[in-house]
Amino acid sequence: RVYLLGNPAVWWGSTAGLLVFVLVALLSRLWTHTPAAFHNRRRLLRCGGPILILWLMNLLPYMLVGRCTFLYHYFPALLCAILLTALLLDYFTATFAATRPRAAVTALLLDY
């Protein structure tokens, strides 16, 4: 029997969400043209920053270990990645809802 494989859509989606969060955090200063966009960006960084730090704090010790690590060592970091992806989805839907309501509805439908 094989246990603890996980859902590939969740694993790859949360990994993509982490990468997109880092890109948004680095490039977000270029996008703040309106007060609403500034508020959404500030909320994203204030909530997502600690989650990213938690993800790194859980993952970095296992990256430095020379011995064999197991899949269950990544589970706390996976929870942080899922939370960060959900926060990122909320950021994009809140940003697009003010300017493009159709894009916000499409993003919500793609989430399900």
C-alpha atoms as a PDB file:
ATOM      1  CA  ARG A   1       0.000   0.000   0.000  1.00  0.00           C
ATOM      2  CA  VAL A   2       1.051   3.562  -0.655  1.00  0.00           C
ATOM      3  CA  TYR A   3       0.091   6.314   1.772  1.00  0.00           C
ATOM      4  CA  LEU A   4       0.604  10.064   1.966  1.00  0.00           C
ATOM      5  CA  LEU A   5       0.835  10.780  -1.741  1.00  0.00           C
ATOM      6  CA  GLY A   6      -1.327  13.892  -1.637  1.00  0.00           C
ATOM      7  CA  ASN A   7      -3.316  15.564  -4.371  1.00  0.00           C
ATOM      8  CA  PRO A   8      -1.056  16.683  -7.242  1.00  0.00           C
ATOM      9  CA  ALA A   9      -3.300  19.660  -8.008  1.00  0.00           C
ATOM     10  CA  VAL A  10      -2.928  20.923  -4.441  1.00  0.00           C
ATOM     11  CA  TRP A  11       0.826  20.299  -4.301  1.00  0.00           C
ATOM     12  CA  TRP A  12       1.634  21.876  -7.676  1.00  0.00           C
ATOM     13  CA  GLY A  13      -0.973  24.615  -7.232  1.00  0.00           C
ATOM     14  CA  SER A  14       0.430  25.641  -3.865  1.00  0.00           C
ATOM     15  CA  THR A  15       3.964  25.603  -5.273  1.00  0.00           C
ATOM     16  CA  ALA A  16       2.844  27.865  -8.124  1.00  0.00           C
ATOM     17  CA  GLY A  17       1.056  30.049  -5.567  1.00  0.00           C
ATOM     18  CA  LEU A  18       4.289  30.474  -3.612  1.00  0.00           C
ATOM     19  CA  LEU A  19       6.165  31.538  -6.724  1.00  0.00           C
ATOM     20  CA  VAL A  20       3.403  33.947  -7.771  1.00  0.00           C
ATOM     21  CA  PHE A  21       3.320  35.439  -4.262  1.00  0.00           C
ATOM     22  CA  VAL A  22       7.050  36.125  -4.366  1.00  0.00           C
ATOM     23  CA  LEU A  23       6.687  37.740  -7.815  1.00  0.00           C
ATOM     24  CA  VAL A  24       3.732  39.841  -6.688  1.00  0.00           C
ATOM     25  CA  ALA A  25       5.594  40.893  -3.544  1.00  0.00           C
ATOM     26  CA  LEU A  26       8.631  41.947  -5.567  1.00  0.00           C
ATOM     27  CA  LEU A  27       6.731  43.676  -8.385  1.00  0.00           C
ATOM     28  CA  SER A  28       3.810  45.097  -6.419  1.00  0.00           C
ATOM     29  CA  ARG A  29       5.320  48.534  -6.005  1.00  0.00           C
ATOM     30  CA  LEU A  30       4.890  49.067  -9.733  1.00  0.00           C
ATOM     31  CA  TRP A  31       1.169  48.245  -9.626  1.00  0.00           C
ATOM     32  CA  THR A  32      -0.078  50.614  -6.928  1.00  0.00           C
ATOM     33  CA  HIS A  33      -1.826  53.268  -8.977  1.00  0.00           C
ATOM     34  CA  THR A  34      -5.019  53.575  -6.953  1.00  0.00           C
ATOM     35  CA  PRO A  35      -5.706  53.717  -3.217  1.00  0.00           C
ATOM     36  CA  ALA A  36      -7.703  50.464  -3.426  1.00  0.00           C
ATOM     37  CA  ALA A  37      -4.766  48.679  -5.065  1.00  0.00           C
ATOM     38  CA  PHE A  38      -2.444  50.052  -2.380  1.00  0.00           C
ATOM     39  CA  HIS A  39      -4.754  48.798   0.385  1.00  0.00           C
ATOM     40  CA  ASN A  40      -5.027  45.336  -1.207  1.00  0.00           C
ATOM     41  CA  ARG A  41      -1.257  45.099  -1.693  1.00  0.00           C
ATOM     42  CA  ARG A  42      -0.561  46.169   1.878  1.00  0.00           C
ATOM     43  CA  ARG A  43      -3.030  43.620   3.221  1.00  0.00           C
ATOM     44  CA  LEU A  44      -1.495  40.897   1.055  1.00  0.00           C
ATOM     45  CA  LEU A  45       2.029  41.611   2.240  1.00  0.00           C
ATOM     46  CA  ARG A  46       1.076  42.037   5.904  1.00  0.00           C
ATOM     47  CA  CYS A  47      -0.808  38.733   5.959  1.00  0.00           C
ATOM     48  CA  GLY A  48       1.310  36.781   3.476  1.00  0.00           C
ATOM     49  CA  GLY A  49       4.717  37.801   4.762  1.00  0.00           C
ATOM     50  CA  PRO A  50       4.469  35.917   8.068  1.00  0.00           C
ATOM     51  CA  ILE A  51       3.009  32.892   6.285  1.00  0.00           C
ATOM     52  CA  LEU A  52       5.971  32.883   3.879  1.00  0.00           C
ATOM     53  CA  ILE A  53       8.356  33.135   6.834  1.00  0.00           C
ATOM     54  CA  LEU A  54       6.622  30.164   8.488  1.00  0.00           C
ATOM     55  CA  TRP A  55       6.950  28.194   5.249  1.00  0.00           C
ATOM     56  CA  LEU A  56      10.663  28.967   5.101  1.00  0.00           C
ATOM     57  CA  MET A  57      11.187  28.204   8.791  1.00  0.00           C
ATOM     58  CA  ASN A  58       9.674  24.768   8.320  1.00  0.00           C
ATOM     59  CA  LEU A  59      11.398  23.958   5.034  1.00  0.00           C
ATOM     60  CA  LEU A  60      14.940  25.269   5.560  1.00  0.00           C
ATOM     61  CA  PRO A  61      15.980  22.891   8.363  1.00  0.00           C
ATOM     62  CA  TYR A  62      15.127  19.901   6.194  1.00  0.00           C
ATOM     63  CA  MET A  63      17.031  21.336   3.256  1.00  0.00           C
ATOM     64  CA  LEU A  64      20.168  21.502   5.391  1.00  0.00           C
ATOM     65  CA  VAL A  65      19.910  17.921   6.657  1.00  0.00           C
ATOM     66  CA  GLY A  66      22.140  15.462   4.865  1.00  0.00           C
ATOM     67  CA  ARG A  67      20.172  12.372   5.797  1.00  0.00           C
ATOM     68  CA  CYS A  68      16.997  11.056   4.213  1.00  0.00           C
ATOM     69  CA  THR A  69      13.881  13.136   4.752  1.00  0.00           C
ATOM     70  CA  PHE A  70      10.334  11.946   4.341  1.00  0.00           C
ATOM     71  CA  LEU A  71       7.227  13.360   2.774  1.00  0.00           C
ATOM     72  CA  TYR A  72       5.489  13.998   6.084  1.00  0.00           C
ATOM     73  CA  HIS A  73       8.223  16.482   7.012  1.00  0.00           C
ATOM     74  CA  TYR A  74       6.807  18.854   4.381  1.00  0.00           C
ATOM     75  CA  PHE A  75       3.186  18.767   5.616  1.00  0.00           C
ATOM     76  CA  PRO A  76       3.371  21.854   7.890  1.00  0.00           C
ATOM     77  CA  ALA A  77       5.037  23.783   5.073  1.00  0.00           C
ATOM     78  CA  LEU A  78       2.334  22.558   2.688  1.00  0.00           C
ATOM     79  CA  LEU A  79      -0.333  24.024   4.955  1.00  0.00           C
ATOM     80  CA  CYS A  80       1.453  27.372   4.838  1.00  0.00           C
ATOM     81  CA  ALA A  81       1.686  27.155   1.051  1.00  0.00           C
ATOM     82  CA  ILE A  82      -2.042  26.414   0.772  1.00  0.00           C
ATOM     83  CA  LEU A  83      -2.865  29.370   3.040  1.00  0.00           C
ATOM     84  CA  LEU A  84      -0.634  31.618   0.956  1.00  0.00           C
ATOM     85  CA  THR A  85      -2.281  30.448  -2.265  1.00  0.00           C
ATOM     86  CA  ALA A  86      -5.742  31.137  -0.840  1.00  0.00           C
ATOM     87  CA  LEU A  87      -4.621  34.596   0.265  1.00  0.00           C
ATOM     88  CA  LEU A  88      -3.228  35.245  -3.200  1.00  0.00           C
ATOM     89  CA  LEU A  89      -6.502  34.184  -4.818  1.00  0.00           C
ATOM     90  CA  ASP A  90      -8.344  36.565  -2.494  1.00  0.00           C
ATOM     91  CA  TYR A  91      -5.951  39.360  -3.472  1.00  0.00           C
ATOM     92  CA  PHE A  92      -6.494  38.838  -7.182  1.00  0.00           C
ATOM     93  CA  THR A  93     -10.264  38.603  -6.900  1.00  0.00           C
ATOM     94  CA  ALA A  94     -10.421  41.737  -4.729  1.00  0.00           C
ATOM     95  CA  THR A  95      -8.166  43.620  -7.135  1.00  0.00           C
ATOM     96  CA  PHE A  96     -10.062  42.542 -10.226  1.00  0.00           C
ATOM     97  CA  ALA A  97     -13.514  42.933  -8.667  1.00  0.00           C
ATOM     98  CA  ALA A  98     -13.179  46.715  -8.580  1.00  0.00           C
ATOM     99  CA  THR A  99     -12.014  47.087 -12.172  1.00  0.00           C
ATOM    100  CA  ARG A 100     -13.071  43.930 -14.014  1.00  0.00           C
ATOM    101  CA  PRO A 101     -16.014  42.072 -12.449  1.00  0.00           C
ATOM    102  CA  ARG A 102     -15.985  39.403 -15.157  1.00  0.00           C
ATOM    103  CA  ALA A 103     -12.360  38.564 -14.441  1.00  0.00           C
ATOM    104  CA  ALA A 104     -13.170  38.176 -10.739  1.00  0.00           C
ATOM    105  CA  VAL A 105     -16.023  35.786 -11.472  1.00  0.00           C
ATOM    106  CA  THR A 106     -13.825  33.819 -13.859  1.00  0.00           C
ATOM    107  CA  ALA A 107     -11.080  33.531 -11.220  1.00  0.00           C
ATOM    108  CA  LEU A 108     -13.580  32.265  -8.664  1.00  0.00           C
ATOM    109  CA  LEU A 109     -14.961  29.696 -11.098  1.00  0.00           C
ATOM    110  CA  LEU A 110     -11.462  28.499 -11.958  1.00  0.00           C
ATOM    111  CA  ASP A 111     -10.785  28.032  -8.268  1.00  0.00           C
ATOM    112  CA  TYR A 112     -13.547  25.446  -8.037  1.00  0.00           C
END
